[in-house]
Amino acid sequence: HVTWKWTVPDTDNPDVLRKTAGSTLPNGDARADLHADGVGTATVS
């Protein structure tokens, strides 16, 4: 009797991995598009 819904994915290092789009859907799904702008490491969460 519960639905597990997501938040919009984001990045902790926009200089390396920049979010260009993100949204949640009414059913609880979440989407994001990220662009690899620079060399390095980023966490998407």
All heavy atoms as atom14 arrays in JSON, in Angstrom:
{
  "sequence": "HVTWKWTVPDTDNPDVLRKTAGSTLPNGDARADLHADGVGTATVS",
  "atom14_mask": [
    [1, 1, 1, 1, 1, 1, 1, 1, 1, 1, 0, 0, 0, 0],
    [1, 1, 1, 1, 1, 1, 1, 0, 0, 0, 0, 0, 0, 0],
    [1, 1, 1, 1, 1, 1, 1, 0, 0, 0, 0, 0, 0, 0],
    [1, 1, 1, 1, 1, 1, 1, 1, 1, 1, 1, 1, 1, 1],
    [1, 1, 1, 1, 1, 1, 1, 1, 1, 0, 0, 0, 0, 0],
    [1, 1, 1, 1, 1, 1, 1, 1, 1, 1, 1, 1, 1, 1],
    [1, 1, 1, 1, 1, 1, 1, 0, 0, 0, 0, 0, 0, 0],
    [1, 1, 1, 1, 1, 1, 1, 0, 0, 0, 0, 0, 0, 0],
    [1, 1, 1, 1, 1, 1, 1, 0, 0, 0, 0, 0, 0, 0],
    [1, 1, 1, 1, 1, 1, 1, 1, 0, 0, 0, 0, 0, 0],
    [1, 1, 1, 1, 1, 1, 1, 0, 0, 0, 0, 0, 0, 0],
    [1, 1, 1, 1, 1, 1, 1, 1, 0, 0, 0, 0, 0, 0],
    [1, 1, 1, 1, 1, 1, 1, 1, 0, 0, 0, 0, 0, 0],
    [1, 1, 1, 1, 1, 1, 1, 0, 0, 0, 0, 0, 0, 0],
    [1, 1, 1, 1, 1, 1, 1, 1, 0, 0, 0, 0, 0, 0],
    [1, 1, 1, 1, 1, 1, 1, 0, 0, 0, 0, 0, 0, 0],
    [1, 1, 1, 1, 1, 1, 1, 1, 0, 0, 0, 0, 0, 0],
    [1, 1, 1, 1, 1, 1, 1, 1, 1, 1, 1, 0, 0, 0],
    [1, 1, 1, 1, 1, 1, 1, 1, 1, 0, 0, 0, 0, 0],
    [1, 1, 1, 1, 1, 1, 1, 0, 0, 0, 0, 0, 0, 0],
    [1, 1, 1, 1, 1, 0, 0, 0, 0, 0, 0, 0, 0, 0],
    [1, 1, 1, 1, 0, 0, 0, 0, 0, 0, 0, 0, 0, 0],
    [1, 1, 1, 1, 1, 1, 0, 0, 0, 0, 0, 0, 0, 0],
    [1, 1, 1, 1, 1, 1, 1, 0, 0, 0, 0, 0, 0, 0],
    [1, 1, 1, 1, 1, 1, 1, 1, 0, 0, 0, 0, 0, 0],
    [1, 1, 1, 1, 1, 1, 1, 0, 0, 0, 0, 0, 0, 0],
    [1, 1, 1, 1, 1, 1, 1, 1, 0, 0, 0, 0, 0, 0],
    [1, 1, 1, 1, 0, 0, 0, 0, 0, 0, 0, 0, 0, 0],
    [1, 1, 1, 1, 1, 1, 1, 1, 0, 0, 0, 0, 0, 0],
    [1, 1, 1, 1, 1, 0, 0, 0, 0, 0, 0, 0, 0, 0],
    [1, 1, 1, 1, 1, 1, 1, 1, 1, 1, 1, 0, 0, 0],
    [1, 1, 1, 1, 1, 0, 0, 0, 0, 0, 0, 0, 0, 0],
    [1, 1, 1, 1, 1, 1, 1, 1, 0, 0, 0, 0, 0, 0],
    [1, 1, 1, 1, 1, 1, 1, 1, 0, 0, 0, 0, 0, 0],
    [1, 1, 1, 1, 1, 1, 1, 1, 1, 1, 0, 0, 0, 0],
    [1, 1, 1, 1, 1, 0, 0, 0, 0, 0, 0, 0, 0, 0],
    [1, 1, 1, 1, 1, 1, 1, 1, 0, 0, 0, 0, 0, 0],
    [1, 1, 1, 1, 0, 0, 0, 0, 0, 0, 0, 0, 0, 0],
    [1, 1, 1, 1, 1, 1, 1, 0, 0, 0, 0, 0, 0, 0],
    [1, 1, 1, 1, 0, 0, 0, 0, 0, 0, 0, 0, 0, 0],
    [1, 1, 1, 1, 1, 1, 1, 0, 0, 0, 0, 0, 0, 0],
    [1, 1, 1, 1, 1, 0, 0, 0, 0, 0, 0, 0, 0, 0],
    [1, 1, 1, 1, 1, 1, 1, 0, 0, 0, 0, 0, 0, 0],
    [1, 1, 1, 1, 1, 1, 1, 0, 0, 0, 0, 0, 0, 0],
    [1, 1, 1, 1, 1, 1, 0, 0, 0, 0, 0, 0, 0, 0]
  ],
  "atom14_positions": [
    [[0.82, -1.22, 0.0], [0.0, 0.0, 0.0], [0.85, 1.27, 0.0], [0.4, 2.32, 0.46], [-0.95, -0.02, 1.2], [-1.97, -1.1, 1.1], [-3.08, -1.0, 0.3], [-2.02, -2.35, 1.66], [-3.78, -2.11, 0.4], [-3.16, -2.94, 1.21], [0.0, 0.0, 0.0], [0.0, 0.0, 0.0], [0.0, 0.0, 0.0], [0.0, 0.0, 0.0]],
    [[2.07, 1.18, -0.49], [2.94, 2.35, -0.56], [3.6, 2.42, -1.94], [3.75, 1.41, -2.63], [4.03, 2.35, 0.54], [3.41, 2.33, 1.92], [4.99, 1.19, 0.37], [0.0, 0.0, 0.0], [0.0, 0.0, 0.0], [0.0, 0.0, 0.0], [0.0, 0.0, 0.0], [0.0, 0.0, 0.0], [0.0, 0.0, 0.0], [0.0, 0.0, 0.0]],
    [[3.98, 3.63, -2.33], [4.74, 3.85, -3.56], [6.07, 4.45, -3.17], [6.14, 5.39, -2.37], [4.0, 4.81, -4.51], [2.72, 4.23, -4.82], [4.77, 5.03, -5.79], [0.0, 0.0, 0.0], [0.0, 0.0, 0.0], [0.0, 0.0, 0.0], [0.0, 0.0, 0.0], [0.0, 0.0, 0.0], [0.0, 0.0, 0.0], [0.0, 0.0, 0.0]],
    [[7.14, 3.92, -3.72], [8.48, 4.46, -3.49], [8.83, 5.37, -4.66], [8.98, 4.92, -5.79], [9.49, 3.32, -3.35], [9.29, 2.58, -2.07], [8.49, 1.49, -1.87], [9.85, 2.91, -0.8], [8.54, 1.12, -0.55], [9.36, 1.97, 0.12], [10.71, 3.92, -0.35], [9.72, 2.0, 1.47], [11.07, 3.93, 0.99], [10.57, 2.98, 1.87]],
    [[8.91, 6.69, -4.38], [9.14, 7.71, -5.41], [10.54, 8.29, -5.29], [11.12, 8.31, -4.22], [8.1, 8.83, -5.25], [6.68, 8.36, -5.49], [5.7, 9.5, -5.45], [4.31, 9.01, -5.83], [3.39, 10.11, -6.07], [0.0, 0.0, 0.0], [0.0, 0.0, 0.0], [0.0, 0.0, 0.0], [0.0, 0.0, 0.0], [0.0, 0.0, 0.0]],
    [[11.03, 8.82, -6.4], [12.39, 9.36, -6.49], [12.41, 10.88, -6.49], [11.47, 11.52, -6.96], [13.04, 8.88, -7.79], [13.33, 7.43, -7.8], [12.58, 6.46, -8.39], [14.43, 6.78, -7.19], [13.17, 5.23, -8.18], [14.29, 5.4, -7.45], [15.52, 7.21, -6.43], [15.22, 4.45, -6.99], [16.43, 6.27, -5.98], [16.28, 4.92, -6.26]],
    [[13.52, 11.45, -6.03], [13.8, 12.87, -6.22], [14.55, 13.01, -7.55], [15.06, 12.03, -8.1], [14.67, 13.45, -5.09], [15.92, 12.73, -5.05], [13.97, 13.34, -3.74], [0.0, 0.0, 0.0], [0.0, 0.0, 0.0], [0.0, 0.0, 0.0], [0.0, 0.0, 0.0], [0.0, 0.0, 0.0], [0.0, 0.0, 0.0], [0.0, 0.0, 0.0]],
    [[14.65, 14.24, -8.03], [15.38, 14.49, -9.27], [16.88, 14.22, -9.03], [17.46, 14.75, -8.08], [15.19, 15.95, -9.74], [16.03, 16.22, -10.98], [13.73, 16.24, -10.01], [0.0, 0.0, 0.0], [0.0, 0.0, 0.0], [0.0, 0.0, 0.0], [0.0, 0.0, 0.0], [0.0, 0.0, 0.0], [0.0, 0.0, 0.0], [0.0, 0.0, 0.0]],
    [[17.5, 13.39, -9.85], [18.94, 13.14, -9.7], [19.74, 14.42, -9.91], [19.38, 15.28, -10.72], [19.24, 12.13, -10.82], [17.92, 11.5, -11.13], [16.9, 12.58, -10.9], [0.0, 0.0, 0.0], [0.0, 0.0, 0.0], [0.0, 0.0, 0.0], [0.0, 0.0, 0.0], [0.0, 0.0, 0.0], [0.0, 0.0, 0.0], [0.0, 0.0, 0.0]],
    [[20.82, 14.55, -9.15], [21.67, 15.73, -9.24], [23.12, 15.31, -9.14], [23.44, 14.18, -8.79], [21.32, 16.73, -8.13], [21.62, 18.16, -8.52], [22.24, 18.39, -9.59], [21.24, 19.07, -7.77], [0.0, 0.0, 0.0], [0.0, 0.0, 0.0], [0.0, 0.0, 0.0], [0.0, 0.0, 0.0], [0.0, 0.0, 0.0], [0.0, 0.0, 0.0]],
    [[24.01, 16.24, -9.42], [25.45, 15.99, -9.39], [26.1, 16.85, -8.31], [25.64, 17.96, -8.04], [26.08, 16.29, -10.77], [27.5, 16.12, -10.68], [25.77, 17.69, -11.24], [0.0, 0.0, 0.0], [0.0, 0.0, 0.0], [0.0, 0.0, 0.0], [0.0, 0.0, 0.0], [0.0, 0.0, 0.0], [0.0, 0.0, 0.0], [0.0, 0.0, 0.0]],
    [[27.16, 16.33, -7.72], [27.86, 17.09, -6.69], [29.01, 17.92, -7.26], [29.65, 18.67, -6.54], [28.39, 16.15, -5.59], [29.53, 15.26, -6.06], [29.71, 15.09, -7.29], [30.25, 14.72, -5.2], [0.0, 0.0, 0.0], [0.0, 0.0, 0.0], [0.0, 0.0, 0.0], [0.0, 0.0, 0.0], [0.0, 0.0, 0.0], [0.0, 0.0, 0.0]],
    [[29.3, 17.79, -8.56], [30.41, 18.5, -9.16], [30.01, 19.0, -10.56], [30.36, 18.38, -11.57], [31.64, 17.59, -9.23], [32.89, 18.33, -9.58], [32.86, 19.48, -10.02], [34.03, 17.69, -9.39], [0.0, 0.0, 0.0], [0.0, 0.0, 0.0], [0.0, 0.0, 0.0], [0.0, 0.0, 0.0], [0.0, 0.0, 0.0], [0.0, 0.0, 0.0]],
    [[29.28, 20.13, -10.63], [28.79, 20.6, -11.93], [29.9, 21.05, -12.88], [29.64, 21.19, -14.08], [27.86, 21.75, -11.57], [28.22, 22.14, -10.19], [28.81, 20.94, -9.53], [0.0, 0.0, 0.0], [0.0, 0.0, 0.0], [0.0, 0.0, 0.0], [0.0, 0.0, 0.0], [0.0, 0.0, 0.0], [0.0, 0.0, 0.0], [0.0, 0.0, 0.0]],
    [[31.12, 21.28, -12.39], [32.22, 21.61, -13.3], [32.65, 20.39, -14.11], [33.18, 20.53, -15.21], [33.42, 22.15, -12.52], [33.14, 23.49, -11.87], [32.28, 24.25, -12.41], [33.74, 23.8, -10.83], [0.0, 0.0, 0.0], [0.0, 0.0, 0.0], [0.0, 0.0, 0.0], [0.0, 0.0, 0.0], [0.0, 0.0, 0.0], [0.0, 0.0, 0.0]],
    [[32.42, 19.21, -13.57], [32.76, 17.96, -14.26], [31.55, 17.4, -14.98], [31.61, 17.03, -16.15], [33.32, 16.92, -13.26], [33.5, 15.56, -13.93], [34.64, 17.41, -12.67], [0.0, 0.0, 0.0], [0.0, 0.0, 0.0], [0.0, 0.0, 0.0], [0.0, 0.0, 0.0], [0.0, 0.0, 0.0], [0.0, 0.0, 0.0], [0.0, 0.0, 0.0]],
    [[30.41, 17.34, -14.27], [29.19, 16.75, -14.81], [28.04, 17.71, -14.53], [27.59, 17.84, -13.4], [28.94, 15.39, -14.15], [27.95, 14.46, -14.8], [28.4, 14.06, -16.21], [27.79, 13.2, -13.95], [0.0, 0.0, 0.0], [0.0, 0.0, 0.0], [0.0, 0.0, 0.0], [0.0, 0.0, 0.0], [0.0, 0.0, 0.0], [0.0, 0.0, 0.0]],
    [[27.59, 18.41, -15.58], [26.58, 19.47, -15.45], [25.2, 18.93, -15.79], [24.99, 18.32, -16.84], [26.96, 20.62, -16.38], [25.96, 21.75, -16.44], [26.47, 22.87, -17.36], [27.0, 22.39, -18.63], [26.29, 22.27, -19.75], [25.01, 22.57, -19.77], [26.88, 21.84, -20.86], [0.0, 0.0, 0.0], [0.0, 0.0, 0.0], [0.0, 0.0, 0.0]],
    [[24.22, 19.21, -14.9], [22.84, 18.79, -15.17], [22.23, 19.76, -16.17], [22.22, 20.96, -15.96], [22.01, 18.76, -13.88], [20.6, 18.25, -14.11], [19.85, 17.9, -12.84], [19.61, 19.1, -11.98], [18.73, 18.81, -10.84], [0.0, 0.0, 0.0], [0.0, 0.0, 0.0], [0.0, 0.0, 0.0], [0.0, 0.0, 0.0], [0.0, 0.0, 0.0]],
    [[21.7, 19.21, -17.28], [21.07, 20.04, -18.31], [19.55, 19.94, -18.28], [18.87, 20.79, -18.83], [21.59, 19.65, -19.71], [21.3, 18.27, -19.93], [23.09, 19.89, -19.83], [0.0, 0.0, 0.0], [0.0, 0.0, 0.0], [0.0, 0.0, 0.0], [0.0, 0.0, 0.0], [0.0, 0.0, 0.0], [0.0, 0.0, 0.0], [0.0, 0.0, 0.0]],
    [[19.03, 18.89, -17.64], [17.57, 18.72, -17.5], [17.31, 17.75, -16.37], [18.14, 16.9, -16.06], [16.96, 18.18, -18.8], [0.0, 0.0, 0.0], [0.0, 0.0, 0.0], [0.0, 0.0, 0.0], [0.0, 0.0, 0.0], [0.0, 0.0, 0.0], [0.0, 0.0, 0.0], [0.0, 0.0, 0.0], [0.0, 0.0, 0.0], [0.0, 0.0, 0.0]],
    [[16.14, 17.89, -15.75], [15.76, 16.96, -14.69], [14.31, 17.16, -14.32], [13.81, 18.29, -14.33], [0.0, 0.0, 0.0], [0.0, 0.0, 0.0], [0.0, 0.0, 0.0], [0.0, 0.0, 0.0], [0.0, 0.0, 0.0], [0.0, 0.0, 0.0], [0.0, 0.0, 0.0], [0.0, 0.0, 0.0], [0.0, 0.0, 0.0], [0.0, 0.0, 0.0]],
    [[13.62, 16.07, -13.99], [12.22, 16.16, -13.61], [11.78, 14.89, -12.9], [12.44, 13.86, -12.97], [11.34, 16.39, -14.84], [11.41, 15.27, -15.7], [0.0, 0.0, 0.0], [0.0, 0.0, 0.0], [0.0, 0.0, 0.0], [0.0, 0.0, 0.0], [0.0, 0.0, 0.0], [0.0, 0.0, 0.0], [0.0, 0.0, 0.0], [0.0, 0.0, 0.0]],
    [[10.64, 15.01, -12.23], [9.96, 13.84, -11.7], [8.63, 13.72, -12.44], [8.11, 14.71, -12.94], [9.69, 13.96, -10.19], [8.94, 15.14, -9.94], [10.99, 13.98, -9.39], [0.0, 0.0, 0.0], [0.0, 0.0, 0.0], [0.0, 0.0, 0.0], [0.0, 0.0, 0.0], [0.0, 0.0, 0.0], [0.0, 0.0, 0.0], [0.0, 0.0, 0.0]],
    [[8.13, 12.52, -12.5], [6.86, 12.25, -13.15], [5.79, 11.98, -12.09], [6.12, 11.61, -10.96], [6.99, 11.05, -14.09], [8.06, 11.21, -15.18], [8.21, 9.91, -15.97], [7.71, 12.36, -16.1], [0.0, 0.0, 0.0], [0.0, 0.0, 0.0], [0.0, 0.0, 0.0], [0.0, 0.0, 0.0], [0.0, 0.0, 0.0], [0.0, 0.0, 0.0]],
    [[4.52, 12.16, -12.42], [3.45, 11.94, -11.43], [3.47, 10.54, -10.8], [3.08, 10.37, -9.65], [2.17, 12.15, -12.23], [2.57, 13.06, -13.35], [3.98, 12.67, -13.69], [0.0, 0.0, 0.0], [0.0, 0.0, 0.0], [0.0, 0.0, 0.0], [0.0, 0.0, 0.0], [0.0, 0.0, 0.0], [0.0, 0.0, 0.0], [0.0, 0.0, 0.0]],
    [[3.96, 9.54, -11.51], [4.0, 8.18, -10.96], [5.17, 7.95, -10.01], [5.31, 6.89, -9.42], [4.02, 7.14, -12.07], [5.34, 7.12, -12.84], [6.16, 8.02, -12.71], [5.51, 6.1, -13.65], [0.0, 0.0, 0.0], [0.0, 0.0, 0.0], [0.0, 0.0, 0.0], [0.0, 0.0, 0.0], [0.0, 0.0, 0.0], [0.0, 0.0, 0.0]],
    [[6.08, 8.95, -9.87], [7.22, 8.83, -8.97], [8.54, 8.56, -9.65], [9.59, 8.56, -9.01], [0.0, 0.0, 0.0], [0.0, 0.0, 0.0], [0.0, 0.0, 0.0], [0.0, 0.0, 0.0], [0.0, 0.0, 0.0], [0.0, 0.0, 0.0], [0.0, 0.0, 0.0], [0.0, 0.0, 0.0], [0.0, 0.0, 0.0], [0.0, 0.0, 0.0]],
    [[8.54, 8.32, -10.96], [9.79, 8.16, -11.7], [10.55, 9.48, -11.69], [9.96, 10.55, -11.52], [9.53, 7.77, -13.15], [8.98, 6.37, -13.33], [8.84, 5.64, -12.34], [8.66, 6.02, -14.5], [0.0, 0.0, 0.0], [0.0, 0.0, 0.0], [0.0, 0.0, 0.0], [0.0, 0.0, 0.0], [0.0, 0.0, 0.0], [0.0, 0.0, 0.0]],
    [[11.86, 9.42, -11.91], [12.67, 10.63, -12.01], [13.65, 10.47, -13.17], [14.1, 9.36, -13.47], [13.41, 10.9, -10.71], [0.0, 0.0, 0.0], [0.0, 0.0, 0.0], [0.0, 0.0, 0.0], [0.0, 0.0, 0.0], [0.0, 0.0, 0.0], [0.0, 0.0, 0.0], [0.0, 0.0, 0.0], [0.0, 0.0, 0.0], [0.0, 0.0, 0.0]],
    [[13.95, 11.59, -13.79], [14.86, 11.61, -14.93], [15.83, 12.77, -14.78], [15.5, 13.79, -14.19], [14.08, 11.82, -16.24], [12.99, 10.82, -16.51], [13.6, 9.53, -17.05], [12.58, 8.58, -17.45], [12.14, 7.59, -16.69], [12.59, 7.46, -15.47], [11.27, 6.72, -17.14], [0.0, 0.0, 0.0], [0.0, 0.0, 0.0], [0.0, 0.0, 0.0]],
    [[17.01, 12.62, -15.38], [17.96, 13.72, -15.47], [18.9, 13.47, -16.64], [19.22, 12.33, -16.96], [18.76, 13.88, -14.19], [0.0, 0.0, 0.0], [0.0, 0.0, 0.0], [0.0, 0.0, 0.0], [0.0, 0.0, 0.0], [0.0, 0.0, 0.0], [0.0, 0.0, 0.0], [0.0, 0.0, 0.0], [0.0, 0.0, 0.0], [0.0, 0.0, 0.0]],
    [[19.3, 14.55, -17.28], [20.33, 14.51, -18.31], [21.5, 15.33, -17.79], [21.32, 16.44, -17.3], [19.81, 15.12, -19.62], [18.73, 14.28, -20.27], [18.75, 13.04, -20.11], [17.85, 14.86, -20.93], [0.0, 0.0, 0.0], [0.0, 0.0, 0.0], [0.0, 0.0, 0.0], [0.0, 0.0, 0.0], [0.0, 0.0, 0.0], [0.0, 0.0, 0.0]],
    [[22.69, 14.76, -17.92], [23.9, 15.43, -17.47], [24.92, 15.42, -18.6], [24.96, 14.47, -19.4], [24.46, 14.71, -16.23], [23.45, 14.6, -15.09], [23.18, 13.14, -14.77], [23.93, 15.32, -13.87], [0.0, 0.0, 0.0], [0.0, 0.0, 0.0], [0.0, 0.0, 0.0], [0.0, 0.0, 0.0], [0.0, 0.0, 0.0], [0.0, 0.0, 0.0]],
    [[25.73, 16.46, -18.65], [26.73, 16.59, -19.71], [28.11, 16.58, -19.09], [28.38, 17.33, -18.14], [26.51, 17.88, -20.51], [27.37, 17.95, -21.71], [28.58, 18.61, -21.72], [27.21, 17.43, -22.95], [29.12, 18.5, -22.92], [28.31, 17.8, -23.69], [0.0, 0.0, 0.0], [0.0, 0.0, 0.0], [0.0, 0.0, 0.0], [0.0, 0.0, 0.0]],
    [[29.01, 15.76, -19.62], [30.38, 15.66, -19.13], [31.18, 16.83, -19.69], [31.62, 16.8, -20.83], [30.99, 14.33, -19.53], [0.0, 0.0, 0.0], [0.0, 0.0, 0.0], [0.0, 0.0, 0.0], [0.0, 0.0, 0.0], [0.0, 0.0, 0.0], [0.0, 0.0, 0.0], [0.0, 0.0, 0.0], [0.0, 0.0, 0.0], [0.0, 0.0, 0.0]],
    [[31.37, 17.87, -18.85], [32.04, 19.09, -19.29], [33.55, 19.09, -19.05], [34.28, 19.75, -19.78], [31.44, 20.32, -18.59], [30.1, 20.71, -19.16], [29.75, 20.29, -20.27], [29.38, 21.47, -18.47], [0.0, 0.0, 0.0], [0.0, 0.0, 0.0], [0.0, 0.0, 0.0], [0.0, 0.0, 0.0], [0.0, 0.0, 0.0], [0.0, 0.0, 0.0]],
    [[34.0, 18.41, -18.01], [35.42, 18.47, -17.68], [35.92, 17.16, -17.12], [35.15, 16.3, -16.7], [0.0, 0.0, 0.0], [0.0, 0.0, 0.0], [0.0, 0.0, 0.0], [0.0, 0.0, 0.0], [0.0, 0.0, 0.0], [0.0, 0.0, 0.0], [0.0, 0.0, 0.0], [0.0, 0.0, 0.0], [0.0, 0.0, 0.0], [0.0, 0.0, 0.0]],
    [[37.24, 17.01, -17.1], [37.87, 15.8, -16.57], [37.77, 15.82, -15.05], [37.97, 16.85, -14.41], [39.34, 15.72, -17.03], [40.05, 14.54, -16.37], [39.42, 15.63, -18.55], [0.0, 0.0, 0.0], [0.0, 0.0, 0.0], [0.0, 0.0, 0.0], [0.0, 0.0, 0.0], [0.0, 0.0, 0.0], [0.0, 0.0, 0.0], [0.0, 0.0, 0.0]],
    [[37.44, 14.67, -14.47], [37.35, 14.55, -13.02], [36.3, 13.53, -12.62], [35.87, 12.71, -13.42], [0.0, 0.0, 0.0], [0.0, 0.0, 0.0], [0.0, 0.0, 0.0], [0.0, 0.0, 0.0], [0.0, 0.0, 0.0], [0.0, 0.0, 0.0], [0.0, 0.0, 0.0], [0.0, 0.0, 0.0], [0.0, 0.0, 0.0], [0.0, 0.0, 0.0]],
    [[35.89, 13.62, -11.36], [34.92, 12.68, -10.8], [33.74, 13.43, -10.21], [33.92, 14.46, -9.57], [35.58, 11.81, -9.7], [36.71, 11.13, -10.27], [34.62, 10.79, -9.14], [0.0, 0.0, 0.0], [0.0, 0.0, 0.0], [0.0, 0.0, 0.0], [0.0, 0.0, 0.0], [0.0, 0.0, 0.0], [0.0, 0.0, 0.0], [0.0, 0.0, 0.0]],
    [[32.55, 12.9, -10.43], [31.33, 13.48, -9.87], [30.45, 12.34, -9.38], [30.49, 11.23, -9.92], [30.59, 14.3, -10.92], [0.0, 0.0, 0.0], [0.0, 0.0, 0.0], [0.0, 0.0, 0.0], [0.0, 0.0, 0.0], [0.0, 0.0, 0.0], [0.0, 0.0, 0.0], [0.0, 0.0, 0.0], [0.0, 0.0, 0.0], [0.0, 0.0, 0.0]],
    [[29.67, 12.64, -8.36], [28.7, 11.68, -7.86], [27.31, 12.14, -8.27], [26.94, 13.28, -8.03], [28.78, 11.56, -6.33], [30.09, 11.11, -5.98], [27.76, 10.56, -5.8], [0.0, 0.0, 0.0], [0.0, 0.0, 0.0], [0.0, 0.0, 0.0], [0.0, 0.0, 0.0], [0.0, 0.0, 0.0], [0.0, 0.0, 0.0], [0.0, 0.0, 0.0]],
    [[26.56, 11.24, -8.9], [25.17, 11.51, -9.24], [24.34, 10.82, -8.17], [24.57, 9.64, -7.86], [24.81, 10.96, -10.64], [23.35, 11.24, -10.97], [25.73, 11.54, -11.69], [0.0, 0.0, 0.0], [0.0, 0.0, 0.0], [0.0, 0.0, 0.0], [0.0, 0.0, 0.0], [0.0, 0.0, 0.0], [0.0, 0.0, 0.0], [0.0, 0.0, 0.0]],
    [[23.4, 11.56, -7.58], [22.63, 10.96, -6.5], [21.16, 11.39, -6.55], [20.81, 12.4, -7.15], [23.23, 11.34, -5.14], [23.22, 12.74, -4.98], [0.0, 0.0, 0.0], [0.0, 0.0, 0.0], [0.0, 0.0, 0.0], [0.0, 0.0, 0.0], [0.0, 0.0, 0.0], [0.0, 0.0, 0.0], [0.0, 0.0, 0.0], [0.0, 0.0, 0.0]]
  ]
}
